[in-house]
Amino acid sequence: MNTEKIISTFKNVNNLHELRLGLDLFNKSLLEGQGKLWTCYTQIFNSSLEKPLIYLHNRFPLEWQIRYDEKNYHLIDPSWGHCKHSTIPFFWSDIKNLTQEQKAMVDDAFTHGFRSGVLIPFHGRTGYSLLWIMSPKNENESRHCLELIKRRSYEILPFIYEAVTQTVFGNKPILTKRETEVLYWIAEGLRTDETGEKLKISPATVEKHVSNACTKLEAKNRTQCVRIALNLGVIIPGETSFNYYKE
């Protein structure tokens, strides 16, 4: 299926129904001519450290979905740990140094038909996503196919990420320009009085802007407020200047 058509579909997503249709279209395009494959797209939105929001489009067999949840495999699945800290894809057969629990999980996956696969991480401005493509074929039979799918997925993943962000997590609070500036300099380590001097406003006004931002972002204090603002992309590193690393 035409890549431009799929990208256009995600550019024009307006609701959850259209998002699901777009993801099913994407899945179908990946599987065309490749035989039996299963896909799962998960996007993690860093709104909270303890309870981040998660969007899941799971097209794995239902039996495995139930098994995965019952066994709480998300707590030991090495895929999650990899994607939190890396943008490099890896193949199922490349997983090394597994714990006994993880080995048992992999063996369990084999019994449910997952013989090989590729995991494709993608990191965006408000979190990260994981795309699993799994196959019932062994590594030698599936490697070339999965390589092709991996390369094609990278063309489309940024548009999927933005579509999910806007559709599922798009209603983020809007801070005023001054509230954003105050949080920006607090995030840089400035005290209340130093932030006031930087912005030429009084410390009391700084505190007022922090209080308003905390209310809008549902934060308990300024520390949590800054973290939420960073995770949501409300304040962005380098917004006022850049410090270049010179080789």
Protein backbone atom coordinates (compact mmCIF):
# COMPACT_ATOMS: atom_id res chain seq x y z
CA MET A 1 0.00 0.00 0.00
CA ASN A 2 1.20 3.52 -0.81
CA THR A 3 3.22 5.04 2.06
CA GLU A 4 2.06 8.58 1.24
CA LYS A 5 -1.56 7.48 1.55
CA ILE A 6 -0.96 6.03 5.01
CA ILE A 7 0.91 9.14 6.13
CA SER A 8 -1.95 11.31 4.84
CA THR A 9 -4.41 9.18 6.83
CA PHE A 10 -2.57 9.90 10.09
CA LYS A 11 -2.20 13.59 9.26
CA ASN A 12 -5.98 13.84 9.03
CA VAL A 13 -6.97 11.82 12.10
CA ASN A 14 -9.60 13.65 14.18
CA ASN A 15 -10.89 11.06 16.66
CA LEU A 16 -10.20 7.66 18.20
CA HIS A 17 -12.24 5.80 15.58
CA GLU A 18 -10.19 7.30 12.73
CA LEU A 19 -7.00 6.58 14.69
CA ARG A 20 -7.89 2.89 15.03
CA LEU A 21 -8.74 2.70 11.32
CA GLY A 22 -5.40 4.32 10.49
CA LEU A 23 -3.47 1.86 12.65
CA ASP A 24 -5.32 -1.09 11.12
CA LEU A 25 -4.47 0.30 7.68
CA PHE A 26 -0.83 0.60 8.73
CA ASN A 27 -0.84 -2.98 10.05
CA LYS A 28 -2.37 -4.26 6.83
CA SER A 29 0.27 -2.48 4.76
CA LEU A 30 3.07 -4.07 6.79
CA LEU A 31 1.65 -7.55 6.41
CA GLU A 32 0.94 -7.45 2.68
CA GLY A 33 2.68 -10.35 0.99
CA GLN A 34 4.55 -11.27 4.17
CA GLY A 35 2.38 -14.13 5.41
CA LYS A 36 1.17 -14.38 8.97
CA LEU A 37 2.46 -11.66 11.30
CA TRP A 38 1.18 -10.00 14.46
CA THR A 39 1.58 -6.38 15.45
CA CYS A 40 1.24 -4.34 18.62
CA TYR A 41 1.66 -0.56 18.92
CA THR A 42 2.03 0.97 22.38
CA GLN A 43 2.58 4.65 23.16
CA ILE A 44 3.58 5.88 26.61
CA PHE A 45 2.76 9.47 27.51
CA ASN A 46 4.97 10.83 30.30
CA SER A 47 2.29 12.72 32.19
CA SER A 48 3.24 10.97 35.45
CA LEU A 49 6.21 8.96 36.70
CA GLU A 50 4.04 6.63 38.75
CA LYS A 51 1.08 6.26 36.39
CA PRO A 52 1.93 7.33 32.83
CA LEU A 53 -0.89 7.26 30.31
CA ILE A 54 -0.67 4.39 27.83
CA TYR A 55 -2.36 3.95 24.46
CA LEU A 56 -2.43 0.36 23.16
CA HIS A 57 -3.36 -0.95 19.71
CA ASN A 58 -2.85 -4.68 20.19
CA ARG A 59 -3.27 -7.12 17.32
CA PHE A 60 -1.53 -10.05 19.02
CA PRO A 61 -3.61 -13.23 19.51
CA LEU A 62 -6.19 -12.74 22.25
CA GLU A 63 -4.97 -15.83 24.11
CA TRP A 64 -1.49 -14.28 24.43
CA GLN A 65 -2.90 -10.90 25.48
CA ILE A 66 -4.78 -12.59 28.34
CA ARG A 67 -1.74 -14.66 29.30
CA TYR A 68 0.54 -11.60 29.25
CA ASP A 69 -1.80 -9.69 31.57
CA GLU A 70 -2.41 -12.63 33.92
CA LYS A 71 1.32 -13.21 34.36
CA ASN A 72 2.12 -9.47 34.64
CA TYR A 73 4.80 -9.96 32.01
CA HIS A 74 5.01 -6.18 31.52
CA LEU A 75 6.98 -6.09 34.79
CA ILE A 76 9.78 -8.33 33.44
CA ASP A 77 9.53 -7.99 29.64
CA PRO A 78 13.03 -6.85 28.48
CA SER A 79 11.42 -4.96 25.60
CA TRP A 80 10.18 -2.24 27.94
CA GLY A 81 13.55 -1.66 29.54
CA HIS A 82 15.19 -1.43 26.14
CA CYS A 83 12.73 1.10 24.73
CA LYS A 84 12.92 3.40 27.76
CA HIS A 85 16.58 4.10 27.08
CA SER A 86 17.23 3.31 23.43
CA THR A 87 16.00 4.18 19.94
CA ILE A 88 17.79 1.20 18.39
CA PRO A 89 15.53 -1.62 17.13
CA PHE A 90 16.34 -5.16 18.11
CA PHE A 91 15.33 -8.61 17.00
CA TRP A 92 13.72 -11.10 19.35
CA SER A 93 16.64 -13.50 18.91
CA ASP A 94 19.12 -10.78 19.98
CA ILE A 95 17.86 -10.62 23.56
CA LYS A 96 20.72 -11.61 25.88
CA ASN A 97 21.40 -12.06 29.61
CA LEU A 98 17.84 -12.92 30.54
CA THR A 99 16.79 -13.66 34.10
CA GLN A 100 15.08 -16.97 34.86
CA GLU A 101 11.71 -15.21 34.89
CA GLN A 102 12.39 -13.61 31.51
CA LYS A 103 13.52 -16.93 30.03
CA ALA A 104 10.25 -18.47 31.22
CA MET A 105 8.34 -15.60 29.57
CA VAL A 106 10.19 -16.11 26.26
CA ASP A 107 9.51 -19.86 26.39
CA ASP A 108 5.86 -19.11 27.07
CA ALA A 109 5.78 -16.78 24.06
CA PHE A 110 7.24 -19.56 21.90
CA THR A 111 4.40 -21.89 22.92
CA HIS A 112 1.96 -19.21 21.76
CA GLY A 113 3.54 -19.07 18.30
CA PHE A 114 6.01 -16.21 18.61
CA ARG A 115 9.17 -17.64 17.06
CA SER A 116 10.84 -14.41 15.92
CA GLY A 117 10.17 -10.70 15.74
CA VAL A 118 11.49 -7.16 15.73
CA LEU A 119 10.90 -4.38 18.24
CA ILE A 120 11.01 -0.79 16.92
CA PRO A 121 11.27 2.00 19.52
CA PHE A 122 10.37 5.60 18.74
CA HIS A 123 10.96 8.54 21.07
CA GLY A 124 8.94 11.74 20.74
CA ARG A 125 8.52 15.02 22.57
CA THR A 126 6.05 13.71 25.16
CA GLY A 127 7.08 10.09 25.64
CA TYR A 128 7.97 7.06 23.57
CA SER A 129 6.35 4.26 21.60
CA LEU A 130 7.01 0.59 20.91
CA LEU A 131 6.06 -1.25 17.74
CA TRP A 132 6.28 -5.04 17.93
CA ILE A 133 6.18 -7.15 14.76
CA MET A 134 6.12 -10.84 15.64
CA SER A 135 6.21 -13.90 13.38
CA PRO A 136 5.48 -17.63 13.81
CA LYS A 137 8.45 -18.37 11.53
CA ASN A 138 11.95 -19.03 12.81
CA GLU A 139 14.68 -16.41 12.59
CA ASN A 140 16.21 -17.61 9.32
CA GLU A 141 12.85 -17.54 7.54
CA SER A 142 11.66 -14.19 8.88
CA ARG A 143 14.77 -11.99 9.17
CA HIS A 144 14.67 -10.50 5.66
CA CYS A 145 10.95 -9.81 5.88
CA LEU A 146 11.29 -8.15 9.28
CA GLU A 147 14.20 -6.02 8.06
CA LEU A 148 12.03 -4.66 5.23
CA ILE A 149 9.15 -3.96 7.62
CA LYS A 150 11.50 -2.22 10.04
CA ARG A 151 12.77 0.17 7.37
CA ARG A 152 9.28 0.95 6.13
CA SER A 153 7.95 1.53 9.63
CA TYR A 154 10.43 4.32 10.29
CA GLU A 155 8.87 6.37 7.49
CA ILE A 156 5.45 6.25 9.14
CA LEU A 157 6.10 6.07 12.91
CA PRO A 158 6.58 9.85 13.40
CA PHE A 159 3.12 10.46 11.91
CA ILE A 160 1.55 7.73 14.05
CA TYR A 161 3.19 9.19 17.13
CA GLU A 162 1.86 12.68 16.43
CA ALA A 163 -1.63 11.38 15.59
CA VAL A 164 -1.84 9.46 18.89
CA THR A 165 -0.42 12.42 20.83
CA GLN A 166 -2.97 14.83 19.42
CA THR A 167 -5.95 12.46 19.52
CA VAL A 168 -5.43 10.71 22.84
CA PHE A 169 -3.29 13.16 24.80
CA GLY A 170 -3.91 16.41 22.96
CA ASN A 171 -5.88 18.28 25.61
CA LYS A 172 -2.87 19.51 27.55
CA PRO A 173 -3.26 22.69 29.64
CA ILE A 174 -2.19 25.95 28.06
CA LEU A 175 0.14 28.10 30.15
CA THR A 176 0.60 31.81 29.59
CA LYS A 177 3.87 33.06 28.14
CA ARG A 178 4.95 34.38 31.53
CA GLU A 179 4.04 31.15 33.37
CA THR A 180 6.10 29.21 30.82
CA GLU A 181 9.06 31.58 31.24
CA VAL A 182 8.95 31.27 35.03
CA LEU A 183 8.93 27.46 34.91
CA TYR A 184 11.70 27.52 32.31
CA TRP A 185 14.11 29.39 34.60
CA ILE A 186 13.11 27.44 37.69
CA ALA A 187 13.92 24.29 35.71
CA GLU A 188 17.36 25.82 35.10
CA GLY A 189 17.90 25.98 38.87
CA LEU A 190 17.16 29.64 39.52
CA ARG A 191 15.64 30.63 42.85
CA THR A 192 12.47 32.70 43.07
CA ASP A 193 14.36 35.98 43.47
CA GLU A 194 16.79 35.10 40.66
CA THR A 195 13.89 34.22 38.35
CA GLY A 196 12.29 37.57 39.19
CA GLU A 197 15.53 39.40 38.36
CA LYS A 198 15.87 37.50 35.09
CA LEU A 199 12.30 38.38 34.02
CA LYS A 200 12.23 41.81 35.72
CA ILE A 201 9.25 40.94 37.91
CA SER A 202 8.88 40.72 41.70
CA PRO A 203 9.37 37.47 43.67
CA ALA A 204 5.69 37.66 44.65
CA THR A 205 4.71 37.74 40.98
CA VAL A 206 6.98 34.76 40.29
CA GLU A 207 5.21 32.83 43.05
CA LYS A 208 1.82 33.80 41.63
CA HIS A 209 2.78 32.43 38.19
CA VAL A 210 4.11 29.22 39.75
CA SER A 211 0.87 28.80 41.70
CA ASN A 212 -1.22 29.31 38.55
CA ALA A 213 0.92 26.83 36.60
CA CYS A 214 0.62 24.24 39.40
CA THR A 215 -3.18 24.56 39.29
CA LYS A 216 -3.30 24.17 35.48
CA LEU A 217 -0.90 21.20 35.46
CA GLU A 218 -2.47 19.64 38.59
CA ALA A 219 0.89 19.64 40.34
CA LYS A 220 1.37 19.47 44.11
CA ASN A 221 4.40 21.77 44.14
CA ARG A 222 6.86 23.56 41.87
CA THR A 223 9.13 20.52 41.55
CA GLN A 224 6.32 18.37 40.20
CA CYS A 225 5.08 21.28 38.11
CA VAL A 226 8.42 21.64 36.33
CA ARG A 227 8.64 17.88 35.70
CA ILE A 228 5.14 17.75 34.24
CA ALA A 229 5.82 20.81 32.09
CA LEU A 230 8.98 19.19 30.71
CA ASN A 231 7.25 15.86 30.07
CA LEU A 232 4.35 17.53 28.29
CA GLY A 233 6.64 19.64 26.15
CA VAL A 234 5.25 22.84 27.66
CA ILE A 235 8.80 24.00 28.32
CA ILE A 236 11.47 22.93 25.87
CA PRO A 237 15.27 22.85 26.31
CA GLY A 238 17.05 25.45 24.21
CA GLU A 239 14.00 27.65 23.80
CA THR A 240 16.02 30.81 24.50
CA SER A 241 19.56 29.83 23.51
CA PHE A 242 21.79 26.91 22.65
CA ASN A 243 25.09 25.85 24.18
CA TYR A 244 26.89 24.06 21.36
CA TYR A 245 29.34 21.26 22.00
CA LYS A 246 32.47 21.89 19.93
CA GLU A 247 34.50 18.90 18.80
